[in-house]
């Protein structure tokens, strides 16, 4: 199979985003750029130069409607989540480009068919009470790690890729030791059960009545930084991204500050690398 170049990966992801965005606008489904995609939009007016994926988030009610309605609207794309496919392996949804194939050896899932993707994260309510909130965050962080370990192969983490100092090497050793231990212990456990559990737990505080919201189904790096006031969140604003504009949450500056601190400052050159552990190919016809 022909390997997909980095530039083609960006073009594929952007085309997918445009299709999803148009569908959402046509069906009154709220979506917002998030994570590195939103950072790229604000700091670079497009992709972060060393990144090529797309992340969006949707309030849980919109997320569920998207999973229900999107498939069948474009024969090239399909959205999968644990809500519409029990064989799915992540706690958040992905839109797949069916004209591509993805070799992602980190995952060990029976019957897995993988493609170039766009990540779609649900936004859930977060408790007002501080004690309940901290408890929820810790539960979700533990469940997120269990969900990942239940579907992973014994592959070394790429989080510290390119960093050869002793501190990073120690962190990588500790991370891999914990990771490999969890993979071994969770082999008999149903990943479907864990994925549904992490999503069910995330929805204990109803998004529609919550005062605080955030994406808490994949909390490997600290859920607290994802929390935003609900007030102003849905007052979406358009931000430029490559040759188009897409929605960001109304309080996107606070979101970026919470995640990245001084988000307009470039990271050191040693950190300007992708951490993806996959290879993408054009699908043979």
Foldseek 3Di string as FASTA:
>chain_A
DAFQDLVNLQVVQVVVVVVLQVVCVVVVFDKAWDDQQVLCLVQPLAHQVQDRATEMEGAQVSQVVCQVPVPPPDVQKHKDALVVDLQDQALWIKIFGNQKFKDFQFFAGPPDTHHSIHTYFYKEFADPDPVRRVVLLVVLQVLLLLSSLQTGDLDFALPCPLDDDPVSVVVSVVVSVVSVVSNVVNPVPRSSVSSVVLVVSRHPDGRVPHQKMFRRNNANPTGVLRIDGPVQQCPWDWTRHVPDTGTHGRPVVSSQCSVPNPSNDDDPPSPSHDRGRMIMGGDDD
